[in-house]
Amino acid sequence: NYRAELLAFMKTYLNNPAGVHDAAMADPVQRTVGGRLRYVSCLRFTPRESDGSYREVRERAVLYVDGRLDHVVENASDSCAGAVYAPFPELEKLTR
């Protein structure tokens, strides 16, 4: 159920959840984060800015604890190294 949970979170995480482009997600894999083994799913997306423009692609690591979304790491380069992304069209279809 991680996809639905992530979509619900992103609706509140993004200032404007409508108009996201280039959404892609990697399936959760176990990785050591902060000395603990966690499931991590990597997410890439380009959000619409407040002025309606689009800037760079953002990459986030989504950490799960006990099968539930725990938090999002903004500096995801280490956690998401080697991630295999697949399109995530559900994120692009979000509305306010």
N, C-alpha and C. Protein backbone atom coordinates (compact mmCIF):
# COMPACT_ATOMS: atom_id res chain seq x y z
N ASN A 1 0.83 -1.20 0.00
CA ASN A 1 0.00 0.00 0.00
C ASN A 1 0.87 1.27 0.00
N TYR A 2 2.15 1.10 -0.23
CA TYR A 2 3.07 2.23 -0.15
C TYR A 2 2.77 3.31 -1.20
N ARG A 3 2.27 2.94 -2.36
CA ARG A 3 2.00 3.93 -3.41
C ARG A 3 0.88 4.87 -2.99
N ALA A 4 -0.22 4.32 -2.48
CA ALA A 4 -1.35 5.14 -2.05
C ALA A 4 -0.95 6.02 -0.86
N GLU A 5 -0.16 5.47 0.04
CA GLU A 5 0.28 6.25 1.19
C GLU A 5 1.19 7.40 0.77
N LEU A 6 2.06 7.13 -0.19
CA LEU A 6 2.95 8.17 -0.70
C LEU A 6 2.17 9.26 -1.42
N LEU A 7 1.17 8.89 -2.19
CA LEU A 7 0.35 9.88 -2.88
C LEU A 7 -0.37 10.80 -1.89
N ALA A 8 -0.92 10.22 -0.82
CA ALA A 8 -1.61 11.02 0.19
C ALA A 8 -0.63 11.98 0.86
N PHE A 9 0.58 11.50 1.12
CA PHE A 9 1.59 12.36 1.73
C PHE A 9 2.00 13.49 0.78
N MET A 10 2.24 13.17 -0.48
CA MET A 10 2.69 14.18 -1.44
C MET A 10 1.65 15.27 -1.66
N LYS A 11 0.40 14.93 -1.49
CA LYS A 11 -0.66 15.93 -1.65
C LYS A 11 -0.50 17.04 -0.61
N THR A 12 0.00 16.69 0.57
CA THR A 12 0.22 17.70 1.60
C THR A 12 1.65 18.25 1.58
N TYR A 13 2.60 17.46 1.10
CA TYR A 13 4.01 17.85 1.08
C TYR A 13 4.29 18.95 0.05
N LEU A 14 3.65 18.86 -1.10
CA LEU A 14 3.86 19.83 -2.17
C LEU A 14 2.97 21.05 -1.97
N ASN A 15 3.52 22.23 -2.21
CA ASN A 15 2.71 23.45 -2.13
C ASN A 15 1.58 23.41 -3.15
N ASN A 16 1.88 22.91 -4.35
CA ASN A 16 0.88 22.77 -5.40
C ASN A 16 1.02 21.37 -5.99
N PRO A 17 0.21 20.42 -5.54
CA PRO A 17 0.35 19.05 -6.04
C PRO A 17 -0.12 18.87 -7.49
N ALA A 18 -0.82 19.83 -8.03
CA ALA A 18 -1.29 19.74 -9.42
C ALA A 18 -0.15 20.12 -10.37
N GLY A 19 -0.06 19.43 -11.47
CA GLY A 19 0.90 19.81 -12.49
C GLY A 19 2.29 19.24 -12.33
N VAL A 20 2.46 18.21 -11.52
CA VAL A 20 3.78 17.57 -11.38
C VAL A 20 4.13 16.89 -12.70
N HIS A 21 5.39 17.04 -13.12
CA HIS A 21 5.88 16.40 -14.36
C HIS A 21 6.99 15.41 -14.03
N ASP A 22 7.27 14.54 -14.97
CA ASP A 22 8.42 13.63 -14.90
C ASP A 22 8.45 12.78 -13.64
N ALA A 23 7.31 12.34 -13.16
CA ALA A 23 7.25 11.55 -11.93
C ALA A 23 7.70 10.12 -12.20
N ALA A 24 8.61 9.65 -11.34
CA ALA A 24 9.10 8.28 -11.42
C ALA A 24 9.43 7.81 -10.01
N MET A 25 9.27 6.51 -9.78
CA MET A 25 9.51 5.98 -8.45
C MET A 25 10.18 4.62 -8.57
N ALA A 26 11.04 4.32 -7.61
CA ALA A 26 11.67 3.01 -7.51
C ALA A 26 10.96 2.23 -6.42
N ASP A 27 10.78 0.94 -6.65
CA ASP A 27 10.15 0.10 -5.62
C ASP A 27 11.00 0.11 -4.36
N PRO A 28 10.36 -0.04 -3.19
CA PRO A 28 11.11 -0.04 -1.93
C PRO A 28 12.13 -1.19 -1.87
N VAL A 29 13.31 -0.86 -1.39
CA VAL A 29 14.36 -1.85 -1.15
C VAL A 29 14.93 -1.59 0.24
N GLN A 30 15.50 -2.62 0.84
CA GLN A 30 16.10 -2.44 2.16
C GLN A 30 17.48 -1.83 2.03
N ARG A 31 17.69 -0.78 2.82
CA ARG A 31 18.98 -0.10 2.86
C ARG A 31 19.26 0.31 4.31
N THR A 32 20.51 0.45 4.62
CA THR A 32 20.88 0.93 5.95
C THR A 32 20.89 2.45 5.93
N VAL A 33 20.06 3.04 6.77
CA VAL A 33 19.95 4.49 6.88
C VAL A 33 20.09 4.85 8.35
N GLY A 34 21.08 5.66 8.66
CA GLY A 34 21.29 6.05 10.05
C GLY A 34 21.61 4.87 10.95
N GLY A 35 22.27 3.87 10.40
CA GLY A 35 22.64 2.69 11.18
C GLY A 35 21.53 1.67 11.35
N ARG A 36 20.39 1.89 10.75
CA ARG A 36 19.26 0.96 10.86
C ARG A 36 18.81 0.50 9.48
N LEU A 37 18.35 -0.72 9.42
CA LEU A 37 17.84 -1.27 8.16
C LEU A 37 16.41 -0.79 7.96
N ARG A 38 16.18 -0.09 6.86
CA ARG A 38 14.86 0.48 6.54
C ARG A 38 14.51 0.17 5.10
N TYR A 39 13.21 0.17 4.83
CA TYR A 39 12.78 0.13 3.43
C TYR A 39 12.82 1.56 2.92
N VAL A 40 13.41 1.73 1.73
CA VAL A 40 13.55 3.04 1.12
C VAL A 40 13.02 2.97 -0.31
N SER A 41 12.17 3.91 -0.65
CA SER A 41 11.69 4.06 -2.01
C SER A 41 12.17 5.42 -2.51
N CYS A 42 12.68 5.46 -3.71
CA CYS A 42 13.19 6.71 -4.26
C CYS A 42 12.18 7.31 -5.23
N LEU A 43 12.08 8.62 -5.19
CA LEU A 43 11.08 9.34 -5.97
C LEU A 43 11.76 10.49 -6.71
N ARG A 44 11.42 10.63 -7.98
CA ARG A 44 11.87 11.78 -8.79
C ARG A 44 10.64 12.46 -9.35
N PHE A 45 10.69 13.78 -9.37
CA PHE A 45 9.55 14.53 -9.91
C PHE A 45 9.98 15.97 -10.15
N THR A 46 9.23 16.66 -10.98
CA THR A 46 9.43 18.09 -11.21
C THR A 46 8.13 18.79 -10.81
N PRO A 47 8.14 19.49 -9.67
CA PRO A 47 6.91 20.16 -9.24
C PRO A 47 6.71 21.48 -9.97
N ARG A 48 5.49 21.91 -10.02
CA ARG A 48 5.18 23.23 -10.58
C ARG A 48 5.49 24.27 -9.50
N GLU A 49 6.23 25.28 -9.87
CA GLU A 49 6.57 26.35 -8.93
C GLU A 49 5.38 27.29 -8.76
N SER A 50 5.45 28.16 -7.76
CA SER A 50 4.33 29.07 -7.49
C SER A 50 4.05 30.02 -8.64
N ASP A 51 5.07 30.31 -9.47
CA ASP A 51 4.86 31.19 -10.62
C ASP A 51 4.41 30.43 -11.87
N GLY A 52 4.18 29.11 -11.73
CA GLY A 52 3.71 28.30 -12.85
C GLY A 52 4.82 27.67 -13.68
N SER A 53 6.06 28.00 -13.38
CA SER A 53 7.19 27.46 -14.14
C SER A 53 7.64 26.12 -13.56
N TYR A 54 8.54 25.47 -14.29
CA TYR A 54 9.15 24.22 -13.83
C TYR A 54 10.65 24.42 -13.79
N ARG A 55 11.26 23.89 -12.75
CA ARG A 55 12.71 24.00 -12.64
C ARG A 55 13.32 22.61 -12.69
N GLU A 56 14.33 22.35 -11.88
CA GLU A 56 15.04 21.07 -11.94
C GLU A 56 14.24 19.91 -11.35
N VAL A 57 14.62 18.72 -11.77
CA VAL A 57 14.02 17.50 -11.23
C VAL A 57 14.49 17.34 -9.79
N ARG A 58 13.58 16.94 -8.92
CA ARG A 58 13.92 16.71 -7.52
C ARG A 58 13.93 15.21 -7.25
N GLU A 59 14.83 14.80 -6.38
CA GLU A 59 14.93 13.40 -5.99
C GLU A 59 14.79 13.32 -4.47
N ARG A 60 13.93 12.44 -4.02
CA ARG A 60 13.68 12.27 -2.59
C ARG A 60 13.75 10.79 -2.24
N ALA A 61 14.22 10.49 -1.04
CA ALA A 61 14.20 9.14 -0.50
C ALA A 61 13.06 9.08 0.51
N VAL A 62 12.18 8.11 0.36
CA VAL A 62 11.04 7.95 1.24
C VAL A 62 11.32 6.76 2.13
N LEU A 63 11.38 6.98 3.45
CA LEU A 63 11.71 5.92 4.40
C LEU A 63 10.45 5.38 5.05
N TYR A 64 10.43 4.07 5.20
CA TYR A 64 9.30 3.38 5.82
C TYR A 64 9.77 2.66 7.07
N VAL A 65 8.97 2.74 8.13
CA VAL A 65 9.24 2.03 9.38
C VAL A 65 7.99 1.22 9.71
N ASP A 66 8.19 -0.06 9.96
CA ASP A 66 7.07 -0.97 10.28
C ASP A 66 5.96 -0.91 9.23
N GLY A 67 6.37 -0.79 7.97
CA GLY A 67 5.42 -0.80 6.87
C GLY A 67 4.66 0.50 6.65
N ARG A 68 5.05 1.55 7.35
CA ARG A 68 4.37 2.85 7.21
C ARG A 68 5.38 3.92 6.81
N LEU A 69 4.92 4.89 6.01
CA LEU A 69 5.78 5.99 5.62
C LEU A 69 6.20 6.75 6.88
N ASP A 70 7.51 6.90 7.06
CA ASP A 70 8.02 7.56 8.26
C ASP A 70 8.44 8.99 7.95
N HIS A 71 9.31 9.18 6.96
CA HIS A 71 9.69 10.53 6.58
C HIS A 71 10.36 10.54 5.21
N VAL A 72 10.54 11.77 4.71
CA VAL A 72 11.13 11.98 3.39
C VAL A 72 12.47 12.67 3.58
N VAL A 73 13.50 12.13 2.92
CA VAL A 73 14.83 12.71 2.98
C VAL A 73 15.05 13.51 1.71
N GLU A 74 15.34 14.79 1.87
CA GLU A 74 15.51 15.65 0.70
C GLU A 74 16.84 15.44 0.00
N ASN A 75 17.90 15.17 0.73
CA ASN A 75 19.20 14.91 0.13
C ASN A 75 19.30 13.39 -0.09
N ALA A 76 18.80 12.93 -1.22
CA ALA A 76 18.63 11.50 -1.45
C ALA A 76 19.73 10.87 -2.29
N SER A 77 20.79 11.60 -2.61
CA SER A 77 21.79 11.06 -3.54
C SER A 77 22.42 9.76 -3.04
N ASP A 78 22.76 9.66 -1.76
CA ASP A 78 23.35 8.43 -1.22
C ASP A 78 22.32 7.31 -1.14
N SER A 79 21.15 7.61 -0.60
CA SER A 79 20.12 6.59 -0.40
C SER A 79 19.56 6.05 -1.71
N CYS A 80 19.60 6.86 -2.75
CA CYS A 80 18.99 6.47 -4.03
C CYS A 80 20.00 6.10 -5.11
N ALA A 81 21.26 5.97 -4.74
CA ALA A 81 22.28 5.59 -5.72
C ALA A 81 21.94 4.21 -6.29
N GLY A 82 21.87 4.13 -7.60
CA GLY A 82 21.59 2.86 -8.26
C GLY A 82 20.12 2.47 -8.31
N ALA A 83 19.22 3.35 -7.91
CA ALA A 83 17.79 3.04 -7.92
C ALA A 83 17.30 2.86 -9.36
N VAL A 84 16.37 1.93 -9.52
CA VAL A 84 15.78 1.67 -10.83
C VAL A 84 14.38 2.29 -10.83
N TYR A 85 14.22 3.35 -11.59
CA TYR A 85 12.97 4.10 -11.59
C TYR A 85 12.01 3.59 -12.67
N ALA A 86 10.74 3.69 -12.34
CA ALA A 86 9.66 3.38 -13.28
C ALA A 86 8.69 4.56 -13.25
N PRO A 87 7.98 4.82 -14.34
CA PRO A 87 7.01 5.93 -14.34
C PRO A 87 6.01 5.82 -13.19
N PHE A 88 5.64 6.96 -12.65
CA PHE A 88 4.68 7.05 -11.54
C PHE A 88 3.59 8.04 -11.94
N PRO A 89 2.74 7.66 -12.90
CA PRO A 89 1.75 8.59 -13.44
C PRO A 89 0.71 9.05 -12.42
N GLU A 90 0.49 8.27 -11.38
CA GLU A 90 -0.49 8.67 -10.35
C GLU A 90 -0.10 9.99 -9.70
N LEU A 91 1.20 10.23 -9.53
CA LEU A 91 1.65 11.48 -8.93
C LEU A 91 1.38 12.65 -9.87
N GLU A 92 1.49 12.44 -11.17
CA GLU A 92 1.23 13.50 -12.13
C GLU A 92 -0.25 13.85 -12.22
N LYS A 93 -1.11 12.96 -11.74
CA LYS A 93 -2.56 13.20 -11.83
C LYS A 93 -3.14 13.82 -10.56
N LEU A 94 -2.30 14.13 -9.56
CA LEU A 94 -2.81 14.73 -8.33
C LEU A 94 -3.46 16.08 -8.60
N THR A 95 -4.42 16.42 -7.78
CA THR A 95 -5.06 17.72 -7.84
C THR A 95 -5.01 18.33 -6.44
N ARG A 96 -5.41 19.57 -6.35
CA ARG A 96 -5.44 20.21 -5.03
C ARG A 96 -6.53 19.56 -4.26
